N, C-alpha and C. Protein backbone atom coordinates (compact mmCIF):
# COMPACT_ATOMS: atom_id res chain seq x y z
N UNK A 1 -33.05 -127.66 -244.18
CA UNK A 1 -31.95 -127.73 -243.22
C UNK A 1 -30.79 -126.88 -243.73
N UNK A 2 -30.25 -126.06 -242.83
CA UNK A 2 -29.09 -125.24 -243.18
C UNK A 2 -27.97 -125.49 -242.18
N UNK A 3 -26.75 -125.57 -242.70
CA UNK A 3 -25.56 -125.65 -241.87
C UNK A 3 -24.71 -124.42 -242.16
N UNK A 4 -24.36 -123.70 -241.13
CA UNK A 4 -23.58 -122.48 -241.29
C UNK A 4 -22.26 -122.64 -240.56
N UNK A 5 -21.18 -122.76 -241.32
CA UNK A 5 -19.85 -122.88 -240.75
C UNK A 5 -19.22 -121.50 -240.62
N UNK A 6 -18.45 -121.32 -239.55
CA UNK A 6 -17.78 -120.04 -239.34
C UNK A 6 -16.51 -120.26 -238.52
N UNK A 7 -15.71 -119.21 -238.41
CA UNK A 7 -14.53 -119.25 -237.58
C UNK A 7 -13.22 -119.36 -238.32
N UNK A 8 -13.27 -119.53 -239.62
CA UNK A 8 -12.04 -119.61 -240.38
C UNK A 8 -11.32 -118.28 -240.45
N UNK A 9 -10.10 -118.33 -240.94
CA UNK A 9 -9.32 -117.12 -241.07
C UNK A 9 -7.85 -117.43 -241.20
N UNK A 10 -7.04 -116.40 -241.02
CA UNK A 10 -5.59 -116.53 -241.10
C UNK A 10 -5.02 -116.73 -239.69
N UNK A 11 -4.19 -117.74 -239.55
CA UNK A 11 -3.58 -118.03 -238.26
C UNK A 11 -2.12 -118.41 -238.49
N UNK A 12 -1.28 -118.04 -237.56
CA UNK A 12 0.15 -118.36 -237.67
C UNK A 12 0.42 -119.80 -237.28
N UNK A 13 1.44 -120.40 -237.84
CA UNK A 13 1.82 -121.76 -237.41
C UNK A 13 2.02 -121.80 -235.90
N UNK A 14 1.50 -122.87 -235.30
CA UNK A 14 1.57 -123.02 -233.86
C UNK A 14 0.41 -122.39 -233.12
N UNK A 15 -0.42 -121.65 -233.82
CA UNK A 15 -1.54 -120.97 -233.20
C UNK A 15 -2.78 -121.85 -233.09
N UNK A 16 -3.88 -121.22 -232.68
CA UNK A 16 -5.14 -121.93 -232.47
C UNK A 16 -6.28 -121.21 -233.17
N UNK A 17 -7.31 -122.00 -233.44
CA UNK A 17 -8.50 -121.48 -234.09
C UNK A 17 -9.65 -122.40 -233.72
N UNK A 18 -10.85 -121.85 -233.58
CA UNK A 18 -12.01 -122.69 -233.33
C UNK A 18 -13.05 -122.47 -234.42
N UNK A 19 -13.43 -123.54 -235.05
CA UNK A 19 -14.48 -123.51 -236.06
C UNK A 19 -15.81 -123.89 -235.42
N UNK A 20 -16.87 -123.27 -235.91
CA UNK A 20 -18.21 -123.57 -235.42
C UNK A 20 -19.12 -123.90 -236.59
N UNK A 21 -20.10 -124.72 -236.31
CA UNK A 21 -21.10 -125.05 -237.33
C UNK A 21 -22.46 -125.07 -236.66
N UNK A 22 -23.35 -124.23 -237.14
CA UNK A 22 -24.70 -124.13 -236.58
C UNK A 22 -25.69 -124.81 -237.52
N UNK A 23 -26.55 -125.62 -236.93
CA UNK A 23 -27.57 -126.33 -237.70
C UNK A 23 -28.95 -125.79 -237.36
N UNK A 24 -29.86 -125.92 -238.31
CA UNK A 24 -31.22 -125.46 -238.09
C UNK A 24 -32.20 -126.54 -238.56
N UNK A 25 -33.38 -126.48 -238.02
CA UNK A 25 -34.50 -127.25 -238.53
C UNK A 25 -34.30 -128.75 -238.55
N UNK A 26 -33.69 -129.32 -237.51
CA UNK A 26 -33.60 -130.76 -237.42
C UNK A 26 -33.40 -131.18 -235.95
N UNK A 27 -33.64 -132.45 -235.71
CA UNK A 27 -33.42 -133.01 -234.38
C UNK A 27 -31.95 -133.41 -234.32
N UNK A 28 -31.15 -132.51 -233.82
CA UNK A 28 -29.71 -132.58 -233.94
C UNK A 28 -29.13 -133.87 -233.39
N UNK A 29 -29.68 -134.34 -232.28
CA UNK A 29 -29.09 -135.49 -231.58
C UNK A 29 -29.20 -136.78 -232.40
N UNK A 30 -30.00 -136.77 -233.44
CA UNK A 30 -30.17 -137.96 -234.27
C UNK A 30 -29.08 -138.10 -235.34
N UNK A 31 -28.17 -137.14 -235.38
CA UNK A 31 -27.18 -137.12 -236.44
C UNK A 31 -25.76 -137.26 -235.89
N UNK A 32 -24.94 -137.96 -236.64
CA UNK A 32 -23.50 -137.88 -236.41
C UNK A 32 -23.00 -136.58 -237.05
N UNK A 33 -21.92 -136.06 -236.51
CA UNK A 33 -21.40 -134.79 -237.01
C UNK A 33 -19.91 -134.93 -237.30
N UNK A 34 -19.46 -134.23 -238.30
CA UNK A 34 -18.07 -134.38 -238.72
C UNK A 34 -17.56 -133.10 -239.36
N UNK A 35 -16.25 -132.97 -239.35
CA UNK A 35 -15.55 -131.93 -240.10
C UNK A 35 -14.69 -132.60 -241.17
N UNK A 36 -14.74 -132.05 -242.34
CA UNK A 36 -13.89 -132.45 -243.45
C UNK A 36 -13.09 -131.22 -243.89
N UNK A 37 -12.08 -131.47 -244.70
CA UNK A 37 -11.34 -130.35 -245.28
C UNK A 37 -10.87 -130.71 -246.68
N UNK A 38 -10.68 -129.66 -247.46
CA UNK A 38 -10.18 -129.84 -248.81
C UNK A 38 -9.13 -128.78 -249.08
N UNK A 39 -7.91 -129.24 -249.26
CA UNK A 39 -6.80 -128.34 -249.59
C UNK A 39 -6.74 -128.13 -251.10
N UNK A 40 -6.13 -127.05 -251.55
CA UNK A 40 -6.04 -126.80 -253.00
C UNK A 40 -5.39 -127.96 -253.73
N UNK A 41 -6.07 -128.44 -254.77
CA UNK A 41 -5.53 -129.50 -255.59
C UNK A 41 -5.63 -130.88 -254.98
N UNK A 42 -6.31 -131.00 -253.84
CA UNK A 42 -6.43 -132.29 -253.17
C UNK A 42 -7.89 -132.67 -252.98
N UNK A 43 -8.10 -133.96 -252.68
CA UNK A 43 -9.45 -134.44 -252.44
C UNK A 43 -9.90 -134.06 -251.03
N UNK A 44 -11.20 -133.98 -250.86
CA UNK A 44 -11.75 -133.72 -249.54
C UNK A 44 -11.44 -134.91 -248.63
N UNK A 45 -11.07 -134.61 -247.39
CA UNK A 45 -10.72 -135.67 -246.46
C UNK A 45 -11.40 -135.46 -245.11
N UNK A 46 -11.63 -136.56 -244.43
CA UNK A 46 -12.23 -136.50 -243.11
C UNK A 46 -11.19 -136.01 -242.10
N UNK A 47 -11.61 -135.07 -241.26
CA UNK A 47 -10.74 -134.57 -240.20
C UNK A 47 -11.12 -135.19 -238.86
N UNK A 48 -12.40 -135.13 -238.52
CA UNK A 48 -12.84 -135.62 -237.21
C UNK A 48 -14.34 -135.89 -237.24
N UNK A 49 -14.74 -136.85 -236.42
CA UNK A 49 -16.14 -137.23 -236.29
C UNK A 49 -16.51 -137.29 -234.82
N UNK A 50 -17.70 -136.80 -234.48
CA UNK A 50 -18.30 -137.10 -233.18
C UNK A 50 -19.67 -137.67 -233.44
N UNK A 51 -19.87 -138.89 -233.03
CA UNK A 51 -21.09 -139.62 -233.34
C UNK A 51 -22.21 -139.27 -232.34
N UNK A 52 -23.37 -139.86 -232.58
CA UNK A 52 -24.52 -139.57 -231.73
C UNK A 52 -24.28 -139.98 -230.28
N UNK A 53 -23.43 -140.98 -230.08
CA UNK A 53 -23.13 -141.43 -228.72
C UNK A 53 -21.91 -140.70 -228.13
N UNK A 54 -21.48 -139.64 -228.80
CA UNK A 54 -20.35 -138.79 -228.37
C UNK A 54 -18.99 -139.46 -228.52
N UNK A 55 -18.93 -140.60 -229.18
CA UNK A 55 -17.62 -141.16 -229.49
C UNK A 55 -16.96 -140.33 -230.59
N UNK A 56 -15.64 -140.24 -230.55
CA UNK A 56 -14.91 -139.41 -231.50
C UNK A 56 -13.88 -140.23 -232.26
N UNK A 57 -13.53 -139.72 -233.43
CA UNK A 57 -12.49 -140.33 -234.23
C UNK A 57 -11.80 -139.22 -235.00
N UNK A 58 -10.49 -139.37 -235.19
CA UNK A 58 -9.70 -138.31 -235.82
C UNK A 58 -8.80 -138.88 -236.91
N UNK A 59 -8.53 -138.05 -237.90
CA UNK A 59 -7.49 -138.38 -238.86
C UNK A 59 -6.15 -138.39 -238.13
N UNK A 60 -5.27 -139.27 -238.56
CA UNK A 60 -3.97 -139.37 -237.90
C UNK A 60 -3.23 -138.03 -237.91
N UNK A 61 -3.41 -137.27 -238.96
CA UNK A 61 -2.67 -136.02 -239.11
C UNK A 61 -3.06 -134.95 -238.09
N UNK A 62 -4.21 -135.11 -237.43
CA UNK A 62 -4.66 -134.08 -236.49
C UNK A 62 -4.78 -134.60 -235.07
N UNK A 63 -4.55 -135.88 -234.85
CA UNK A 63 -4.66 -136.45 -233.51
C UNK A 63 -3.74 -135.73 -232.54
N UNK A 64 -4.28 -135.41 -231.38
CA UNK A 64 -3.50 -134.71 -230.37
C UNK A 64 -3.45 -133.20 -230.56
N UNK A 65 -3.94 -132.71 -231.68
CA UNK A 65 -3.92 -131.26 -231.95
C UNK A 65 -5.33 -130.67 -232.08
N UNK A 66 -6.24 -131.43 -232.67
CA UNK A 66 -7.60 -130.96 -232.90
C UNK A 66 -8.56 -131.69 -231.97
N UNK A 67 -9.66 -131.03 -231.65
CA UNK A 67 -10.70 -131.64 -230.82
C UNK A 67 -12.07 -131.26 -231.37
N UNK A 68 -12.88 -132.27 -231.60
CA UNK A 68 -14.25 -132.05 -232.07
C UNK A 68 -15.20 -132.19 -230.90
N UNK A 69 -16.23 -131.37 -230.88
CA UNK A 69 -17.24 -131.46 -229.83
C UNK A 69 -18.58 -131.01 -230.39
N UNK A 70 -19.63 -131.34 -229.65
CA UNK A 70 -20.96 -130.98 -230.11
C UNK A 70 -21.83 -130.53 -228.94
N UNK A 71 -22.80 -129.71 -229.24
CA UNK A 71 -23.78 -129.21 -228.28
C UNK A 71 -25.14 -129.53 -228.86
N UNK A 72 -25.76 -130.58 -228.37
CA UNK A 72 -27.04 -131.01 -228.96
C UNK A 72 -28.14 -129.97 -228.73
N UNK A 73 -28.16 -129.38 -227.55
CA UNK A 73 -29.21 -128.41 -227.26
C UNK A 73 -29.09 -127.18 -228.15
N UNK A 74 -27.86 -126.74 -228.37
CA UNK A 74 -27.63 -125.57 -229.20
C UNK A 74 -27.49 -125.86 -230.67
N UNK A 75 -27.52 -127.16 -231.02
CA UNK A 75 -27.39 -127.58 -232.42
C UNK A 75 -26.09 -127.04 -233.03
N UNK A 76 -25.00 -127.25 -232.31
CA UNK A 76 -23.72 -126.76 -232.76
C UNK A 76 -22.69 -127.89 -232.76
N UNK A 77 -21.75 -127.80 -233.67
CA UNK A 77 -20.58 -128.67 -233.64
C UNK A 77 -19.35 -127.79 -233.80
N UNK A 78 -18.30 -128.13 -233.07
CA UNK A 78 -17.10 -127.31 -233.02
C UNK A 78 -15.87 -128.12 -233.41
N UNK A 79 -14.88 -127.42 -233.89
CA UNK A 79 -13.57 -128.01 -234.12
C UNK A 79 -12.53 -127.06 -233.54
N UNK A 80 -11.95 -127.46 -232.43
CA UNK A 80 -10.86 -126.71 -231.83
C UNK A 80 -9.55 -127.16 -232.47
N UNK A 81 -8.87 -126.21 -233.09
CA UNK A 81 -7.64 -126.51 -233.82
C UNK A 81 -6.47 -125.87 -233.06
N UNK A 82 -5.58 -126.69 -232.58
CA UNK A 82 -4.41 -126.22 -231.84
C UNK A 82 -3.13 -126.62 -232.56
N UNK A 83 -2.08 -125.92 -232.29
CA UNK A 83 -0.76 -126.21 -232.87
C UNK A 83 -0.90 -126.40 -234.37
N UNK A 84 -1.53 -125.46 -235.02
CA UNK A 84 -1.80 -125.61 -236.45
C UNK A 84 -0.51 -125.54 -237.25
N UNK A 85 -0.58 -126.18 -238.41
CA UNK A 85 0.57 -126.27 -239.32
C UNK A 85 0.18 -125.73 -240.68
N UNK A 86 1.15 -125.34 -241.49
CA UNK A 86 0.80 -124.87 -242.85
C UNK A 86 -0.01 -125.90 -243.64
N UNK A 87 0.24 -127.17 -243.41
CA UNK A 87 -0.50 -128.21 -244.13
C UNK A 87 -1.94 -128.35 -243.67
N UNK A 88 -2.33 -127.64 -242.64
CA UNK A 88 -3.74 -127.60 -242.23
C UNK A 88 -4.55 -126.60 -243.06
N UNK A 89 -3.88 -125.84 -243.90
CA UNK A 89 -4.57 -124.89 -244.76
C UNK A 89 -5.54 -125.60 -245.69
N UNK A 90 -6.80 -125.19 -245.63
CA UNK A 90 -7.84 -125.85 -246.43
C UNK A 90 -9.16 -125.13 -246.20
N UNK A 91 -10.12 -125.50 -247.01
CA UNK A 91 -11.51 -125.14 -246.72
C UNK A 91 -12.08 -126.25 -245.86
N UNK A 92 -12.66 -125.87 -244.73
CA UNK A 92 -13.21 -126.83 -243.79
C UNK A 92 -14.74 -126.86 -243.90
N UNK A 93 -15.28 -128.07 -243.96
CA UNK A 93 -16.72 -128.27 -244.13
C UNK A 93 -17.27 -129.08 -242.96
N UNK A 94 -18.43 -128.68 -242.48
CA UNK A 94 -19.12 -129.50 -241.50
C UNK A 94 -20.16 -130.36 -242.20
N UNK A 95 -20.43 -131.48 -241.57
CA UNK A 95 -21.36 -132.45 -242.14
C UNK A 95 -22.22 -133.04 -241.03
N UNK A 96 -23.51 -133.18 -241.29
CA UNK A 96 -24.44 -133.88 -240.40
C UNK A 96 -25.07 -135.00 -241.20
N UNK A 97 -25.11 -136.21 -240.62
CA UNK A 97 -25.62 -137.33 -241.40
C UNK A 97 -26.15 -138.42 -240.48
N UNK A 98 -27.07 -139.20 -241.03
CA UNK A 98 -27.50 -140.42 -240.37
C UNK A 98 -27.80 -141.44 -241.46
N UNK A 99 -28.64 -142.42 -241.18
CA UNK A 99 -28.83 -143.55 -242.10
C UNK A 99 -29.52 -143.15 -243.40
N UNK A 100 -30.23 -142.04 -243.42
CA UNK A 100 -30.91 -141.69 -244.66
C UNK A 100 -30.85 -140.21 -245.02
N UNK A 101 -30.09 -139.42 -244.29
CA UNK A 101 -29.98 -138.00 -244.60
C UNK A 101 -28.52 -137.56 -244.48
N UNK A 102 -28.15 -136.58 -245.28
CA UNK A 102 -26.76 -136.15 -245.34
C UNK A 102 -26.73 -134.68 -245.71
N UNK A 103 -26.18 -133.85 -244.81
CA UNK A 103 -26.16 -132.41 -245.02
C UNK A 103 -24.73 -131.88 -244.88
N UNK A 104 -24.40 -130.91 -245.74
CA UNK A 104 -23.08 -130.29 -245.72
C UNK A 104 -23.22 -128.79 -245.58
N UNK A 105 -22.27 -128.20 -244.85
CA UNK A 105 -22.18 -126.75 -244.76
C UNK A 105 -21.42 -126.20 -245.96
N UNK A 106 -21.34 -124.88 -246.02
CA UNK A 106 -20.77 -124.22 -247.19
C UNK A 106 -19.26 -124.12 -247.15
N UNK A 107 -18.63 -124.38 -246.05
CA UNK A 107 -17.18 -124.33 -245.95
C UNK A 107 -16.68 -123.01 -245.40
N UNK A 108 -15.58 -123.11 -244.66
CA UNK A 108 -14.92 -121.92 -244.13
C UNK A 108 -13.41 -122.11 -244.33
N UNK A 109 -12.75 -121.07 -244.84
CA UNK A 109 -11.35 -121.17 -245.22
C UNK A 109 -10.44 -120.93 -244.03
N UNK A 110 -9.52 -121.85 -243.83
CA UNK A 110 -8.47 -121.70 -242.82
C UNK A 110 -7.13 -121.62 -243.54
N UNK A 111 -6.39 -120.56 -243.26
CA UNK A 111 -5.07 -120.38 -243.86
C UNK A 111 -4.05 -120.29 -242.74
N UNK A 112 -3.08 -121.19 -242.78
CA UNK A 112 -2.02 -121.20 -241.77
C UNK A 112 -0.74 -120.69 -242.43
N UNK A 113 -0.32 -119.53 -242.01
CA UNK A 113 0.83 -118.90 -242.65
C UNK A 113 1.40 -117.84 -241.73
N UNK A 114 2.71 -117.65 -241.83
CA UNK A 114 3.35 -116.58 -241.08
C UNK A 114 3.50 -115.33 -241.94
């Protein structure tokens, strides 16, 4: 199983960015999907989750600004990031998991700076 995250880059404060994560070689709909991030010098933290039943949950710091979504047929998970802030700067990781399997992508760097 491979997870390929993409879409990171440099964005100005207040701007938008969309991250994508492509999965291969699995029955995608059987997994919950999530985005995490790790800022320099900090622990990795959960950003957003979309479960198998399409329910979502967000960290308080991104509620109202970020939106997670998934495409089961295309085996993709997305993170739409709006009104970004400098404190959103981090490496973002996608994760697919269920009761006995856990997969992580390689990370994509998002830098929010003017």
